[in-house]
Protein backbone atom coordinates (compact mmCIF):
# COMPACT_ATOMS: atom_id res chain seq x y z
CA MET A 1 -6.04 -2.05 -8.94
CA CYS A 2 -3.82 -3.05 -6.70
CA GLY A 3 -4.22 -6.62 -5.37
CA ARG A 4 -1.09 -7.94 -5.23
CA TYR A 5 2.72 -6.82 -4.41
CA ALA A 6 6.42 -7.50 -2.80
CA SER A 7 7.50 -6.56 0.27
CA SER A 8 11.19 -8.01 1.16
CA LYS A 9 12.75 -5.47 2.99
CA ALA A 10 13.60 -4.87 6.87
CA PRO A 11 11.50 -2.91 9.22
CA SER A 12 14.86 -1.03 9.92
CA GLU A 13 15.81 -0.71 6.10
CA LEU A 14 12.61 0.77 5.56
CA ALA A 15 12.71 3.69 8.17
CA ALA A 16 16.21 4.57 6.85
CA GLU A 17 14.52 4.88 3.43
CA PHE A 18 11.75 7.01 4.71
CA ASP A 19 13.26 8.69 7.54
CA ALA A 20 11.32 7.30 9.93
CA ARG A 21 11.57 5.35 13.18
CA ASP A 22 10.76 2.04 13.19
CA GLU A 23 7.83 1.02 15.74
CA THR A 24 6.97 -2.99 14.53
CA GLY A 25 8.73 -4.53 17.23
CA SER A 26 8.44 -8.34 17.08
CA ARG A 27 5.08 -7.87 15.10
CA ALA A 28 7.29 -7.07 11.53
CA PRO A 29 6.14 -9.65 9.12
CA GLU A 30 8.65 -11.68 7.02
CA PRO A 31 9.60 -10.78 3.69
CA ASP A 32 7.01 -11.54 1.36
CA TYR A 33 6.83 -11.69 -2.20
CA ASN A 34 3.27 -12.33 -2.76
CA VAL A 35 1.50 -10.08 -0.43
CA ALA A 36 -2.19 -10.42 -0.55
CA PRO A 37 -5.43 -8.84 1.02
CA THR A 38 -5.87 -9.53 4.88
CA LYS A 39 -2.13 -10.21 5.41
CA PRO A 40 0.28 -8.17 7.79
CA VAL A 41 1.93 -5.65 6.05
CA PHE A 42 4.15 -2.16 6.98
CA GLY A 43 2.96 1.46 6.94
CA ILE A 44 4.21 4.75 7.49
CA VAL A 45 2.63 7.15 9.50
CA GLN A 46 3.38 10.98 10.93
CA ARG A 47 1.32 11.71 13.78
CA HIS A 48 1.81 14.23 16.63
CA PRO A 49 3.14 12.26 19.83
CA ARG A 50 1.16 12.14 23.04
CA ASP A 51 2.04 12.73 26.29
CA ALA A 52 0.98 10.15 29.33
CA GLU A 53 -2.39 11.85 29.39
CA GLY A 54 -3.17 11.06 25.96
CA THR A 55 -2.77 14.86 25.00
CA PRO A 56 -1.07 15.59 21.21
CA ASP A 57 1.54 17.66 21.26
CA PRO A 58 1.06 20.36 18.15
CA ASP A 59 4.67 21.59 17.82
CA ARG A 60 6.21 17.95 16.96
CA SER A 61 5.47 15.28 14.80
CA GLU A 62 7.16 11.87 14.51
CA ARG A 63 7.06 9.33 11.52
CA THR A 64 7.05 6.07 12.16
CA VAL A 65 7.18 2.41 10.39
CA ARG A 66 4.57 0.25 12.18
CA VAL A 67 2.39 -3.07 10.94
CA MET A 68 -1.27 -3.06 9.56
CA ARG A 69 -3.54 -5.68 7.97
CA TRP A 70 -4.37 -5.07 4.40
CA GLY A 71 -8.16 -4.60 4.09
CA LEU A 72 -9.41 -1.23 5.62
CA VAL A 73 -11.98 -1.77 8.69
CA PRO A 74 -13.50 1.61 9.57
CA LYS A 75 -14.01 2.24 13.19
CA TRP A 76 -17.87 1.91 12.79
CA ALA A 77 -17.66 -1.65 11.06
CA LYS A 78 -19.33 -4.20 13.25
CA ASP A 79 -16.62 -7.12 12.53
CA PRO A 80 -13.50 -7.19 10.60
CA SER A 81 -14.29 -9.05 8.13
CA VAL A 82 -15.19 -6.00 5.91
CA GLY A 83 -11.69 -5.33 5.34
CA SER A 84 -11.53 -8.01 2.66
CA ARG A 85 -13.68 -6.01 0.72
CA MET A 86 -11.93 -3.00 1.28
CA ILE A 87 -8.47 -3.48 0.12
CA ASN A 88 -8.40 -0.33 -2.21
CA ALA A 89 -9.75 3.02 -2.18
CA ARG A 90 -10.21 5.14 -5.76
CA SER A 91 -8.32 8.36 -5.55
CA GLU A 92 -11.04 9.96 -7.61
CA THR A 93 -14.18 9.25 -4.81
CA VAL A 94 -11.66 8.34 -1.44
CA ALA A 95 -12.92 12.12 -0.48
CA THR A 96 -16.43 11.57 -0.66
CA LYS A 97 -16.79 8.07 -0.16
CA PRO A 98 -18.52 7.80 3.96
CA ALA A 99 -16.15 4.82 4.17
CA PHE A 100 -13.42 6.95 3.19
CA ARG A 101 -13.42 10.41 3.34
CA GLY A 102 -12.31 10.91 7.29
CA ALA A 103 -9.57 8.63 7.04
CA VAL A 104 -7.99 10.51 3.88
CA ARG A 105 -8.66 13.91 5.78
CA TYR A 106 -7.08 12.79 9.22
CA TYR A 107 -5.29 9.28 8.56
CA ARG A 108 -3.08 8.91 5.53
CA CYS A 109 -0.15 6.34 5.07
CA LEU A 110 2.47 5.51 2.43
CA LEU A 111 2.48 1.68 2.19
CA PRO A 112 5.90 0.84 0.70
CA ALA A 113 6.44 -1.86 -1.77
CA ASP A 114 9.24 -3.70 -3.91
CA GLY A 115 6.86 -3.64 -6.45
CA TRP A 116 3.34 -4.59 -7.46
CA TYR A 117 1.87 -7.39 -9.52
CA GLU A 118 -1.16 -6.61 -12.10
CA TRP A 119 -2.88 -9.22 -14.57
CA LYS A 120 -3.15 -8.05 -18.08
CA ARG A 121 -6.84 -7.33 -19.23
CA ASP A 122 -7.16 -9.04 -22.55
CA SER A 123 -5.08 -12.20 -21.91
CA SER A 124 -6.52 -15.91 -21.46
CA PRO A 125 -5.50 -16.99 -19.14
CA LYS A 126 -4.66 -13.50 -17.84
CA GLN A 127 -0.89 -12.97 -17.52
CA PRO A 128 0.90 -11.19 -14.68
CA TYR A 129 3.24 -8.70 -14.94
CA TYR A 130 5.27 -6.77 -11.93
CA VAL A 131 6.10 -3.39 -11.72
CA THR A 132 8.88 -2.16 -9.90
CA ASN A 133 11.99 0.63 -9.45
CA PRO A 134 14.56 -0.10 -11.93
CA ASP A 135 17.17 0.72 -8.58
CA ASP A 136 15.65 -1.26 -5.94
CA SER A 137 14.23 1.44 -4.16
CA SER A 138 10.87 1.34 -2.51
CA LEU A 139 8.00 2.46 -4.03
CA GLY A 140 5.50 4.80 -2.09
CA MET A 141 1.88 3.65 -2.48
CA ALA A 142 -0.79 5.96 -1.18
CA GLY A 143 -2.58 4.69 1.84
CA ILE A 144 -5.13 5.26 4.37
CA TRP A 145 -5.92 3.33 7.51
CA ALA A 146 -8.19 3.03 10.63
CA THR A 147 -7.79 1.68 14.13
CA TRP A 148 -11.12 -0.46 15.26
CA ARG A 149 -11.75 -1.90 18.13
CA ASP A 150 -13.96 -4.80 18.95
CA PRO A 151 -17.39 -3.76 20.80
CA ALA A 152 -16.81 -7.23 22.51
CA GLU A 153 -13.64 -6.59 23.96
CA PRO A 154 -13.12 -3.34 24.70
CA GLU A 155 -9.91 -4.04 26.31
CA ALA A 156 -7.94 -6.15 23.79
CA GLU A 157 -5.44 -4.51 21.24
CA PRO A 158 -7.23 -2.68 18.45
CA LEU A 159 -6.86 -3.87 15.17
CA VAL A 160 -4.84 -1.18 12.81
CA SER A 161 -5.60 -1.84 9.07
CA CYS A 162 -5.10 0.07 5.35
CA ALA A 163 -6.35 0.47 2.14
CA VAL A 164 -4.11 1.15 -1.23
CA LEU A 165 -5.35 4.27 -2.97
CA THR A 166 -5.59 3.52 -7.04
CA THR A 167 -6.06 6.14 -9.97
CA GLU A 168 -6.18 5.69 -13.61
CA ALA A 169 -2.79 3.80 -15.08
CA VAL A 170 -0.49 6.18 -16.91
CA GLY A 171 2.00 5.36 -19.97
CA GLU A 172 2.55 1.99 -20.55
CA LEU A 173 1.00 0.78 -17.59
CA ALA A 174 -2.42 1.20 -19.18
CA GLU A 175 -1.48 -1.48 -21.75
CA VAL A 176 -1.93 -3.87 -18.85
CA HIS A 177 -4.82 -2.49 -16.70
CA GLU A 178 -6.80 0.69 -16.73
CA ARG A 179 -5.99 1.48 -12.74
CA MET A 180 -2.97 1.15 -11.09
CA PRO A 181 -1.64 2.17 -7.33
CA LEU A 182 -1.37 5.83 -6.75
CA VAL A 183 2.41 5.88 -6.33
CA LEU A 184 3.64 9.17 -4.87
CA ALA A 185 6.95 10.80 -5.83
CA PRO A 186 9.66 11.17 -2.62
CA ARG A 187 9.13 15.04 -3.02
CA ASP A 188 5.38 14.40 -2.15
CA TRP A 189 5.57 12.09 0.89
CA ALA A 190 6.02 14.54 3.43
CA GLU A 191 2.86 16.10 2.29
CA TRP A 192 0.82 13.44 2.12
CA LEU A 193 2.13 12.34 5.80
CA ASP A 194 1.60 15.59 7.30
CA PRO A 195 -0.86 15.19 10.09
CA ASP A 196 -1.82 19.02 10.31
CA ASN A 197 -2.95 18.76 6.14
CA GLN A 198 -6.32 17.83 5.86
CA ASP A 199 -6.82 19.07 2.11
CA VAL A 200 -4.42 16.64 -0.19
CA THR A 201 -6.65 17.30 -3.25
CA ASP A 202 -3.63 18.11 -5.44
CA LEU A 203 -2.08 15.00 -4.83
CA LEU A 204 -5.25 12.95 -5.71
CA VAL A 205 -3.91 12.55 -9.44
CA PRO A 206 -2.44 10.34 -11.32
CA PRO A 207 1.65 9.71 -11.48
CA SER A 208 3.23 11.64 -13.84
CA GLY A 209 4.43 10.71 -16.97
CA GLU A 210 8.00 11.30 -15.43
CA LEU A 211 7.63 9.32 -12.81
CA VAL A 212 5.66 6.18 -14.53
CA GLU A 213 8.58 6.48 -17.08
CA ARG A 214 10.93 5.48 -14.39
CA LEU A 215 9.13 1.97 -13.62
CA ARG A 216 10.30 -1.45 -15.07
CA MET A 217 7.27 -3.45 -16.40
CA ARG A 218 7.89 -7.24 -16.92
CA PRO A 219 6.00 -10.41 -17.40
CA VAL A 220 6.58 -13.20 -14.30
CA SER A 221 5.29 -16.46 -13.56
CA ARG A 222 1.63 -17.59 -13.22
CA ALA A 223 2.72 -19.24 -10.18
CA VAL A 224 1.90 -15.70 -8.72
CA ASN A 225 -1.52 -16.45 -9.01
CA SER A 226 -1.53 -18.88 -5.83
CA VAL A 227 -0.95 -17.10 -2.63
CA ALA A 228 0.65 -20.45 -1.08
CA ASN A 229 3.38 -19.40 -3.80
CA ASN A 230 6.04 -16.98 -1.90
CA SER A 231 9.31 -16.88 -3.28
CA PRO A 232 12.07 -13.91 -4.86
CA GLY A 233 11.32 -16.09 -7.91
CA LEU A 234 7.94 -14.78 -8.35
CA THR A 235 9.41 -11.30 -9.20
CA GLU A 236 12.00 -12.51 -11.69
CA PRO A 237 11.12 -12.00 -15.91
CA VAL A 238 9.69 -14.86 -17.83
CA SER A 239 10.09 -15.32 -21.13
CA GLU A 240 7.55 -14.08 -24.17
CA LYS A 241 7.19 -17.97 -24.50
CA ASP A 242 6.45 -18.62 -21.06
CA ALA A 243 4.57 -15.98 -20.63
CA LEU A 244 2.11 -17.07 -23.77
CA PHE A 245 2.01 -20.84 -23.01
CA GLY A 246 1.85 -20.54 -18.80
CA SER A 247 5.00 -20.45 -16.40
């Protein structure tokens, strides 16, 4: 699964990295080394621009960096509290689950991350690990998004929310947990974000062994267990002794 991750880059950096335009404005969240559900996060989307009457231009599409809340709130939800229970969507069933199938066809995004945390299943207490790229480039986690409007306040600004897709863990990662975020290779970003592509079945599979072999996984401090802790030190490796006896 994916229940915590790190996101420290400024929106301008993400815009350059993902070939997008920054549309976050004053809503951009601060660097966060312990991103947890219901927090604001960055999302990369690609949509057809609309004219003053709201008509989309089918000949053009624009890729932008936006701010979303982690935890999907479908448009039919009675209230946004459901989002805290919909932080992940399984790639194996996302195309058939009523809560997700429309989003994976029409509202896909990338959720950029420095890396993500996973807790080893068979350790007591559970030991957190951090998974990241060795060159500090962002990971592009496959996501879906939705727009929800409060029926009691139809004129209020809508809530834009998202969920991280997960898949079967591959290689060394499976030794820690059986699930992992669906991390897409940069060559697949355009296909995933394409607003005219309604069938991404070929991308709803575990990452290639080549992609996973590039990742680096290390034990980190159990301080990440508390969402109150938020500093770059959370991503730093700890010694085997600290990992065993609790750092």
